[in-house]
Each structure stands twice: as C-alpha cells, then as structure tokens.
Amino acid sequence: MGNGEQSGSSGRDDWRVRIAGAVGAAVTGGLALLVMSLADMRLFPLGMILFLAAIAVGLWLGQRAGSRLFRAPPGS
C-alpha cells in the first residue's frame, strides 16, 4: 500500500475521473439554477429536489465521461 494508496482503492490514480465528476456536477447544478430562475420556480421543495437530482445526474455523467477519457494504461 505504498504511494498513498488506501486499502480497498482501485489501485490506479483516478483523480482525473473524480475531477471530471465534480465538473459535471458543477455544470449541471449551474444549468439547473439558470433554468429554475428562467422558469420562475416558486415551489421551493420541488426546486430543491430537482436541483439535487441535476447535481446527481451531472456527477454520474462526469464520472462516466472521465472514466472513458482517462483510462488506466494497459499493464498497470
């Protein structure tokens, strides 16, 4: 477990995938806020649920895109 690895980790340097997920969550969260302000959504609980759902979807999409863009090199 050298090089700062934690037990149970995937064993590869996946910080790029995590960053891609965070960027995806930030982008979809910003878009959700923009759409909610343009739509003049006054129902706070519904708007909050939609905002959190948008962040979750963006996080998932960002991680998927990051895992495809930044694959581990063969043989590692």
Protein backbone atom coordinates (compact mmCIF):
# COMPACT_ATOMS: atom_id res chain seq x y z
CA MET A 1 0.00 0.00 0.00
CA GLY A 2 2.69 2.46 -0.98
CA ASN A 3 2.31 5.72 -2.84
CA GLY A 4 -0.54 6.92 -0.61
CA GLU A 5 -2.97 4.20 -1.65
CA GLN A 6 -5.79 3.39 0.69
CA SER A 7 -6.94 -0.13 1.33
CA GLY A 8 -9.83 -1.01 -0.91
CA SER A 9 -8.95 1.58 -3.55
CA SER A 10 -8.96 0.63 -7.20
CA GLY A 11 -5.18 0.86 -7.22
CA ARG A 12 -5.00 3.41 -10.02
CA ASP A 13 -4.56 7.12 -9.96
CA ASP A 14 -8.15 8.19 -10.63
CA TRP A 15 -8.07 11.84 -9.56
CA ARG A 16 -8.92 12.91 -13.12
CA VAL A 17 -12.12 10.88 -13.01
CA ARG A 18 -13.10 12.48 -9.70
CA ILE A 19 -12.39 15.96 -11.09
CA ALA A 20 -14.49 15.16 -14.17
CA GLY A 21 -17.37 14.13 -11.89
CA ALA A 22 -17.09 17.35 -9.89
CA VAL A 23 -17.05 19.42 -13.08
CA GLY A 24 -20.12 17.57 -14.35
CA ALA A 25 -21.95 18.23 -11.08
CA ALA A 26 -21.00 21.91 -11.14
CA VAL A 27 -22.12 22.37 -14.74
CA THR A 28 -25.47 20.65 -14.29
CA GLY A 29 -26.04 22.45 -10.98
CA GLY A 30 -25.41 25.79 -12.67
CA LEU A 31 -27.70 24.90 -15.54
CA ALA A 32 -30.40 23.82 -13.10
CA LEU A 33 -30.16 27.14 -11.27
CA LEU A 34 -30.37 29.00 -14.58
CA VAL A 35 -33.42 27.04 -15.72
CA MET A 36 -35.10 27.44 -12.33
CA SER A 37 -34.58 31.21 -12.43
CA LEU A 38 -35.84 31.47 -16.01
CA ALA A 39 -38.86 29.31 -15.23
CA ASP A 40 -39.56 31.38 -12.08
CA MET A 41 -39.98 28.26 -9.99
CA ARG A 42 -41.61 29.33 -6.75
CA LEU A 43 -42.11 25.90 -5.23
CA PHE A 44 -39.01 25.67 -3.08
CA PRO A 45 -39.17 21.95 -2.11
CA LEU A 46 -39.73 20.85 -5.71
CA GLY A 47 -36.98 23.15 -6.96
CA MET A 48 -34.54 21.85 -4.35
CA ILE A 49 -35.29 18.24 -5.26
CA LEU A 50 -34.81 18.99 -8.96
CA PHE A 51 -31.56 20.84 -8.21
CA LEU A 52 -30.17 17.91 -6.21
CA ALA A 53 -31.27 15.47 -8.90
CA ALA A 54 -29.49 17.55 -11.55
CA ILE A 55 -26.30 17.53 -9.47
CA ALA A 56 -26.51 13.75 -9.02
CA VAL A 57 -27.01 13.21 -12.75
CA GLY A 58 -24.12 15.54 -13.56
CA LEU A 59 -21.85 13.76 -11.11
CA TRP A 60 -22.71 10.40 -12.65
CA LEU A 61 -22.26 11.67 -16.23
CA GLY A 62 -18.97 13.35 -15.35
CA GLN A 63 -17.60 10.20 -13.78
CA ARG A 64 -18.68 8.14 -16.78
CA ALA A 65 -17.04 10.58 -19.19
CA GLY A 66 -13.92 10.78 -17.02
CA SER A 67 -13.55 7.02 -16.81
CA ARG A 68 -13.77 6.78 -20.60
CA LEU A 69 -11.42 9.69 -21.26
CA PHE A 70 -8.79 8.77 -18.68
CA ARG A 71 -8.41 5.01 -18.84
CA ALA A 72 -5.65 3.25 -16.93
CA PRO A 73 -2.71 2.33 -19.14
CA PRO A 74 -2.54 -1.34 -20.13
CA GLY A 75 -0.41 -3.49 -17.91
CA SER A 76 -0.89 -1.47 -14.72
